[in-house]
N, C-alpha and C. Protein backbone atom coordinates (compact mmCIF):
# COMPACT_ATOMS: atom_id res chain seq x y z
N UNK A 1 120.85 -32.36 10.47
CA UNK A 1 121.38 -33.62 10.04
C UNK A 1 120.30 -34.41 9.31
N UNK A 2 119.11 -34.31 9.87
CA UNK A 2 118.02 -35.07 9.29
C UNK A 2 117.65 -34.54 7.90
N UNK A 3 117.63 -33.27 7.68
CA UNK A 3 117.27 -32.71 6.38
C UNK A 3 118.34 -33.01 5.34
N UNK A 4 119.60 -33.08 5.75
CA UNK A 4 120.65 -33.40 4.79
C UNK A 4 120.54 -34.85 4.33
N UNK A 5 120.09 -35.76 5.20
CA UNK A 5 119.91 -37.14 4.78
C UNK A 5 118.74 -37.27 3.81
N UNK A 6 117.68 -36.43 4.01
CA UNK A 6 116.55 -36.44 3.07
C UNK A 6 116.98 -35.92 1.71
N UNK A 7 117.81 -34.90 1.72
CA UNK A 7 118.31 -34.34 0.47
C UNK A 7 119.17 -35.38 -0.25
N UNK A 8 119.98 -36.09 0.50
CA UNK A 8 120.85 -37.13 -0.09
C UNK A 8 120.01 -38.24 -0.71
N UNK A 9 118.97 -38.69 0.00
CA UNK A 9 118.10 -39.74 -0.50
C UNK A 9 117.37 -39.26 -1.76
N UNK A 10 116.87 -38.04 -1.74
CA UNK A 10 116.17 -37.48 -2.90
C UNK A 10 117.12 -37.38 -4.09
N UNK A 11 118.32 -36.93 -3.85
CA UNK A 11 119.32 -36.81 -4.91
C UNK A 11 119.64 -38.18 -5.52
N UNK A 12 119.83 -39.17 -4.68
CA UNK A 12 120.12 -40.52 -5.18
C UNK A 12 118.95 -41.09 -5.97
N UNK A 13 117.73 -40.84 -5.50
CA UNK A 13 116.54 -41.33 -6.20
C UNK A 13 116.43 -40.70 -7.58
N UNK A 14 116.69 -39.41 -7.68
CA UNK A 14 116.64 -38.74 -8.98
C UNK A 14 117.76 -39.23 -9.89
N UNK A 15 118.91 -39.47 -9.32
CA UNK A 15 120.03 -39.97 -10.12
C UNK A 15 119.76 -41.34 -10.69
N UNK A 16 119.16 -42.22 -9.87
CA UNK A 16 118.82 -43.56 -10.35
C UNK A 16 117.73 -43.51 -11.41
N UNK A 17 116.76 -42.62 -11.23
CA UNK A 17 115.69 -42.50 -12.22
C UNK A 17 116.25 -42.00 -13.55
N UNK A 18 117.15 -41.05 -13.48
CA UNK A 18 117.78 -40.54 -14.70
C UNK A 18 118.61 -41.60 -15.39
N UNK A 19 119.31 -42.44 -14.61
CA UNK A 19 120.13 -43.50 -15.19
C UNK A 19 119.28 -44.54 -15.89
N UNK A 20 118.08 -44.82 -15.35
CA UNK A 20 117.23 -45.82 -15.98
C UNK A 20 116.70 -45.32 -17.32
N UNK A 21 116.44 -44.01 -17.44
CA UNK A 21 116.01 -43.48 -18.73
C UNK A 21 117.14 -43.47 -19.74
N UNK A 22 118.35 -43.28 -19.29
CA UNK A 22 119.49 -43.23 -20.19
C UNK A 22 119.82 -44.61 -20.76
N UNK A 23 119.40 -45.69 -20.06
CA UNK A 23 119.72 -47.03 -20.51
C UNK A 23 118.66 -47.65 -21.42
N UNK A 24 117.69 -46.87 -21.87
CA UNK A 24 116.66 -47.42 -22.74
C UNK A 24 117.31 -47.87 -24.05
N UNK A 25 116.92 -49.05 -24.55
CA UNK A 25 117.52 -49.55 -25.79
C UNK A 25 117.15 -48.67 -26.98
N UNK A 26 118.10 -48.49 -27.84
CA UNK A 26 117.89 -47.71 -29.05
C UNK A 26 117.63 -48.68 -30.20
N UNK A 27 116.81 -48.30 -31.16
CA UNK A 27 116.58 -49.14 -32.33
C UNK A 27 117.75 -48.94 -33.30
N UNK A 28 118.67 -49.89 -33.26
CA UNK A 28 119.84 -49.82 -34.12
C UNK A 28 119.77 -50.98 -35.11
N UNK A 29 120.22 -50.77 -36.32
CA UNK A 29 120.23 -51.89 -37.27
C UNK A 29 121.23 -52.95 -36.83
N UNK A 30 120.91 -54.20 -37.13
CA UNK A 30 121.78 -55.31 -36.78
C UNK A 30 122.84 -55.43 -37.86
N UNK A 31 124.13 -55.46 -37.48
CA UNK A 31 125.18 -55.58 -38.49
C UNK A 31 125.05 -56.87 -39.27
N UNK A 32 125.49 -56.90 -40.53
CA UNK A 32 125.43 -58.12 -41.32
C UNK A 32 126.18 -59.25 -40.62
N UNK A 33 125.60 -60.43 -40.64
CA UNK A 33 126.25 -61.59 -40.04
C UNK A 33 125.91 -61.80 -38.58
N UNK A 34 125.16 -60.89 -37.99
CA UNK A 34 124.78 -61.04 -36.59
C UNK A 34 123.30 -61.41 -36.52
N UNK A 35 122.99 -62.33 -35.64
CA UNK A 35 121.61 -62.77 -35.49
C UNK A 35 120.83 -61.76 -34.65
N UNK A 36 119.53 -61.73 -34.85
CA UNK A 36 118.67 -60.91 -34.02
C UNK A 36 118.65 -61.49 -32.61
N UNK A 37 118.29 -60.69 -31.63
CA UNK A 37 118.21 -61.18 -30.25
C UNK A 37 117.23 -62.33 -30.18
N UNK A 38 117.66 -63.43 -29.59
CA UNK A 38 116.81 -64.60 -29.47
C UNK A 38 116.77 -65.43 -30.73
N UNK A 39 117.51 -65.05 -31.75
CA UNK A 39 117.48 -65.78 -33.01
C UNK A 39 118.58 -66.82 -33.09
N UNK A 40 118.87 -67.22 -34.29
CA UNK A 40 119.88 -68.24 -34.53
C UNK A 40 121.27 -67.63 -34.39
N UNK A 41 122.29 -68.47 -34.18
CA UNK A 41 123.65 -67.95 -34.10
C UNK A 41 124.09 -67.37 -35.44
N UNK A 42 125.13 -66.52 -35.43
CA UNK A 42 125.60 -65.95 -36.69
C UNK A 42 125.87 -67.05 -37.71
N UNK A 43 125.48 -66.76 -38.95
CA UNK A 43 125.67 -67.74 -40.01
C UNK A 43 124.44 -68.59 -40.23
N UNK A 44 123.61 -68.74 -39.20
CA UNK A 44 122.39 -69.51 -39.34
C UNK A 44 121.17 -68.62 -39.34
N UNK A 45 121.36 -67.31 -39.20
CA UNK A 45 120.23 -66.41 -39.12
C UNK A 45 119.49 -66.33 -40.45
N UNK A 46 120.19 -66.54 -41.56
CA UNK A 46 119.57 -66.53 -42.87
C UNK A 46 119.05 -67.93 -43.14
N UNK A 47 117.78 -68.06 -43.45
CA UNK A 47 117.21 -69.38 -43.69
C UNK A 47 117.90 -70.02 -44.88
N UNK A 48 118.37 -71.24 -44.66
CA UNK A 48 119.01 -71.98 -45.73
C UNK A 48 120.47 -71.65 -45.94
N UNK A 49 121.00 -70.70 -45.21
CA UNK A 49 122.38 -70.29 -45.40
C UNK A 49 123.36 -71.30 -44.83
N UNK A 50 124.50 -71.37 -45.45
CA UNK A 50 125.56 -72.26 -45.01
C UNK A 50 126.29 -71.62 -43.84
N UNK A 51 126.38 -72.31 -42.70
CA UNK A 51 127.09 -71.75 -41.55
C UNK A 51 128.55 -71.45 -41.90
N UNK A 52 129.13 -70.41 -41.32
CA UNK A 52 130.47 -69.98 -41.72
C UNK A 52 131.56 -71.02 -41.51
N UNK A 53 131.50 -71.77 -40.43
CA UNK A 53 132.53 -72.78 -40.18
C UNK A 53 132.50 -73.89 -41.21
N UNK A 54 131.30 -74.34 -41.57
CA UNK A 54 131.16 -75.38 -42.58
C UNK A 54 131.54 -74.83 -43.96
N UNK A 55 131.23 -73.56 -44.22
CA UNK A 55 131.59 -72.95 -45.50
C UNK A 55 133.10 -72.93 -45.70
N UNK A 56 133.85 -72.71 -44.62
CA UNK A 56 135.31 -72.67 -44.73
C UNK A 56 135.88 -74.02 -45.15
N UNK A 57 135.17 -75.10 -44.83
CA UNK A 57 135.65 -76.44 -45.18
C UNK A 57 135.61 -76.68 -46.69
N UNK A 58 134.81 -75.91 -47.42
CA UNK A 58 134.78 -76.03 -48.88
C UNK A 58 135.98 -75.35 -49.52
N UNK A 59 136.69 -74.53 -48.77
CA UNK A 59 137.83 -73.80 -49.32
C UNK A 59 137.38 -72.45 -49.86
N UNK A 60 138.11 -71.95 -50.82
CA UNK A 60 137.82 -70.62 -51.36
C UNK A 60 136.57 -70.62 -52.24
N UNK A 61 136.26 -71.72 -52.89
CA UNK A 61 135.14 -71.78 -53.83
C UNK A 61 133.97 -72.53 -53.20
N UNK A 62 133.11 -71.80 -52.52
CA UNK A 62 131.92 -72.39 -51.92
C UNK A 62 130.86 -72.48 -53.03
N UNK A 63 130.32 -73.68 -53.28
CA UNK A 63 129.33 -73.81 -54.35
C UNK A 63 128.01 -73.14 -53.99
N UNK A 64 127.22 -72.80 -55.03
CA UNK A 64 125.90 -72.20 -54.78
C UNK A 64 125.00 -73.18 -54.06
N UNK A 65 125.10 -74.45 -54.43
CA UNK A 65 124.38 -75.52 -53.75
C UNK A 65 125.41 -76.38 -53.05
N UNK A 66 125.46 -76.26 -51.74
CA UNK A 66 126.44 -77.00 -50.95
C UNK A 66 125.76 -78.23 -50.33
N UNK A 67 126.29 -79.40 -50.65
CA UNK A 67 125.77 -80.66 -50.12
C UNK A 67 126.73 -81.16 -49.05
N UNK A 68 126.18 -81.48 -47.87
CA UNK A 68 127.00 -82.00 -46.77
C UNK A 68 126.25 -83.18 -46.16
N UNK A 69 126.99 -84.28 -45.95
CA UNK A 69 126.42 -85.48 -45.33
C UNK A 69 126.97 -85.60 -43.91
N UNK A 70 126.06 -85.82 -42.97
CA UNK A 70 126.42 -85.90 -41.56
C UNK A 70 126.16 -87.30 -41.02
N UNK A 71 127.09 -87.79 -40.22
CA UNK A 71 126.91 -89.06 -39.52
C UNK A 71 125.90 -88.82 -38.40
N UNK A 72 124.91 -89.71 -38.21
CA UNK A 72 123.89 -89.45 -37.20
C UNK A 72 124.39 -89.47 -35.76
N UNK A 73 125.52 -90.11 -35.49
CA UNK A 73 126.00 -90.21 -34.12
C UNK A 73 127.31 -89.51 -33.85
N UNK A 74 127.85 -88.84 -34.85
CA UNK A 74 129.14 -88.15 -34.65
C UNK A 74 129.04 -86.72 -35.15
N UNK A 75 129.68 -85.82 -34.44
CA UNK A 75 129.67 -84.42 -34.85
C UNK A 75 131.08 -83.87 -35.05
N UNK A 76 132.08 -84.76 -35.09
CA UNK A 76 133.47 -84.31 -35.24
C UNK A 76 133.93 -84.30 -36.69
N UNK A 77 133.02 -84.55 -37.63
CA UNK A 77 133.37 -84.54 -39.03
C UNK A 77 132.13 -84.60 -39.90
N UNK A 78 132.32 -84.46 -41.20
CA UNK A 78 131.22 -84.52 -42.15
C UNK A 78 131.80 -84.79 -43.54
N UNK A 79 130.93 -85.27 -44.41
CA UNK A 79 131.30 -85.51 -45.80
C UNK A 79 130.82 -84.33 -46.63
N UNK A 80 131.70 -83.77 -47.47
CA UNK A 80 131.38 -82.62 -48.31
C UNK A 80 131.43 -83.04 -49.77
N UNK A 81 130.41 -82.68 -50.54
CA UNK A 81 130.39 -82.98 -51.97
C UNK A 81 131.14 -81.87 -52.69
N UNK A 82 132.37 -82.21 -53.14
CA UNK A 82 133.24 -81.25 -53.82
C UNK A 82 133.61 -81.82 -55.17
N UNK A 83 133.30 -81.09 -56.24
CA UNK A 83 133.61 -81.51 -57.61
C UNK A 83 133.09 -82.91 -57.91
N UNK A 84 131.87 -83.22 -57.45
CA UNK A 84 131.24 -84.50 -57.74
C UNK A 84 131.72 -85.67 -56.91
N UNK A 85 132.58 -85.42 -55.91
CA UNK A 85 133.08 -86.50 -55.06
C UNK A 85 132.89 -86.12 -53.59
N UNK A 86 132.56 -87.14 -52.79
CA UNK A 86 132.40 -86.92 -51.36
C UNK A 86 133.77 -86.96 -50.69
N UNK A 87 134.05 -85.94 -49.90
CA UNK A 87 135.33 -85.82 -49.20
C UNK A 87 135.06 -85.71 -47.70
N UNK A 88 135.69 -86.60 -46.94
CA UNK A 88 135.53 -86.58 -45.48
C UNK A 88 136.48 -85.55 -44.88
N UNK A 89 135.93 -84.69 -44.05
CA UNK A 89 136.74 -83.74 -43.28
C UNK A 89 136.39 -83.96 -41.82
N UNK A 90 137.41 -84.06 -40.98
CA UNK A 90 137.16 -84.35 -39.57
C UNK A 90 138.04 -83.50 -38.68
N UNK A 91 137.97 -83.76 -37.37
CA UNK A 91 138.74 -82.98 -36.40
C UNK A 91 138.14 -81.62 -36.17
N UNK A 92 136.81 -81.55 -36.15
CA UNK A 92 136.12 -80.27 -36.01
C UNK A 92 136.30 -79.70 -34.61
N UNK A 93 136.38 -78.37 -34.54
CA UNK A 93 136.46 -77.66 -33.26
C UNK A 93 135.09 -77.69 -32.58
N UNK A 94 135.05 -77.22 -31.34
CA UNK A 94 133.81 -77.20 -30.58
C UNK A 94 132.75 -76.33 -31.26
N UNK A 95 133.14 -75.19 -31.80
CA UNK A 95 132.16 -74.32 -32.46
C UNK A 95 131.64 -74.94 -33.74
N UNK A 96 132.51 -75.64 -34.45
CA UNK A 96 132.09 -76.30 -35.69
C UNK A 96 131.16 -77.49 -35.37
N UNK A 97 131.41 -78.14 -34.25
CA UNK A 97 130.53 -79.24 -33.84
C UNK A 97 129.12 -78.73 -33.54
N UNK A 98 129.01 -77.53 -33.01
CA UNK A 98 127.70 -76.93 -32.78
C UNK A 98 126.98 -76.68 -34.10
N UNK A 99 127.72 -76.23 -35.10
CA UNK A 99 127.13 -76.02 -36.42
C UNK A 99 126.64 -77.35 -37.00
N UNK A 100 127.40 -78.42 -36.80
CA UNK A 100 126.99 -79.74 -37.28
C UNK A 100 125.70 -80.17 -36.60
N UNK A 101 125.61 -79.99 -35.30
CA UNK A 101 124.41 -80.38 -34.56
C UNK A 101 123.19 -79.62 -35.07
N UNK A 102 123.35 -78.33 -35.33
CA UNK A 102 122.24 -77.53 -35.86
C UNK A 102 121.90 -77.94 -37.29
N UNK A 103 122.91 -78.22 -38.09
CA UNK A 103 122.69 -78.59 -39.49
C UNK A 103 121.98 -79.93 -39.62
N UNK A 104 122.20 -80.83 -38.68
CA UNK A 104 121.53 -82.14 -38.72
C UNK A 104 120.03 -82.01 -38.49
N UNK A 105 119.56 -80.87 -38.00
CA UNK A 105 118.14 -80.63 -37.80
C UNK A 105 117.44 -80.25 -39.10
N UNK A 106 118.21 -79.94 -40.12
CA UNK A 106 117.65 -79.56 -41.41
C UNK A 106 116.99 -80.77 -42.06
N UNK A 107 116.03 -80.54 -42.94
CA UNK A 107 115.42 -81.68 -43.63
C UNK A 107 116.44 -82.39 -44.53
N UNK A 108 116.27 -83.70 -44.63
CA UNK A 108 117.16 -84.49 -45.48
C UNK A 108 116.86 -84.18 -46.94
N UNK A 109 117.89 -84.25 -47.75
CA UNK A 109 117.76 -83.99 -49.19
C UNK A 109 118.47 -85.10 -49.96
N UNK A 110 118.05 -85.31 -51.19
CA UNK A 110 118.66 -86.33 -52.05
C UNK A 110 119.73 -85.65 -52.90
N UNK A 111 121.01 -86.02 -52.70
CA UNK A 111 122.09 -85.37 -53.43
C UNK A 111 122.20 -85.89 -54.86
N UNK A 112 122.89 -85.16 -55.73
CA UNK A 112 123.06 -85.61 -57.12
C UNK A 112 123.99 -86.83 -57.24
N UNK A 113 124.81 -87.06 -56.22
CA UNK A 113 125.72 -88.20 -56.18
C UNK A 113 125.40 -88.96 -54.89
N UNK A 114 125.23 -90.30 -54.95
CA UNK A 114 124.92 -91.03 -53.73
C UNK A 114 125.99 -90.80 -52.65
N UNK A 115 125.54 -90.67 -51.39
CA UNK A 115 126.53 -90.45 -50.31
C UNK A 115 127.36 -91.70 -50.09
N UNK A 116 128.50 -91.56 -49.45
CA UNK A 116 129.37 -92.72 -49.21
C UNK A 116 128.70 -93.77 -48.31
N UNK A 117 129.06 -95.02 -48.53
CA UNK A 117 128.54 -96.12 -47.72
C UNK A 117 129.50 -96.31 -46.55
N UNK A 118 129.06 -95.89 -45.37
CA UNK A 118 129.90 -95.98 -44.18
C UNK A 118 129.28 -96.84 -43.08
N UNK A 119 128.30 -97.66 -43.46
CA UNK A 119 127.68 -98.55 -42.49
C UNK A 119 126.43 -98.01 -41.82
N UNK A 120 126.18 -96.72 -41.94
CA UNK A 120 124.96 -96.10 -41.43
C UNK A 120 124.42 -95.16 -42.50
N UNK A 121 123.16 -94.83 -42.38
CA UNK A 121 122.57 -93.88 -43.33
C UNK A 121 122.97 -92.47 -42.91
N UNK A 122 123.68 -91.78 -43.78
CA UNK A 122 124.11 -90.42 -43.50
C UNK A 122 122.94 -89.46 -43.73
N UNK A 123 122.92 -88.40 -42.95
CA UNK A 123 121.91 -87.34 -43.12
C UNK A 123 122.51 -86.30 -44.06
N UNK A 124 121.94 -86.21 -45.27
CA UNK A 124 122.45 -85.28 -46.28
C UNK A 124 121.60 -84.02 -46.25
N UNK A 125 122.26 -82.87 -46.16
CA UNK A 125 121.57 -81.59 -46.16
C UNK A 125 122.05 -80.73 -47.32
N UNK A 126 121.14 -79.95 -47.85
CA UNK A 126 121.45 -79.03 -48.93
C UNK A 126 121.40 -77.62 -48.38
N UNK A 127 122.44 -76.85 -48.68
CA UNK A 127 122.51 -75.44 -48.28
C UNK A 127 122.56 -74.61 -49.56
N UNK A 128 121.59 -73.70 -49.69
CA UNK A 128 121.55 -72.85 -50.89
C UNK A 128 121.72 -71.40 -50.51
């Protein structure tokens, strides 16, 4: 009885050791649009890139230089410079609000058209 328990323990130990070798990470390429481990969320992994949720707000024609103005205290909407005019879009989802919070960390830029006067200084960001 005692030798069979030793065999069982040895078998389990070898099985666990083999399983740990099988789980070693493989060097696989990261699919387009996915951030590296520990990196930025998808859409923000490319420096200067326009996050996908904000890009959708421009419609089908996303400009090469996308100007977006953010209210410093609100993340449920933003002003988008479309065809030379600022357009307010609001009612953002939770995921889009996260993109707004991250985008407000970008350096401020001076747009070609003054941002709308809404009682506070808007944070204007350029995405290229």
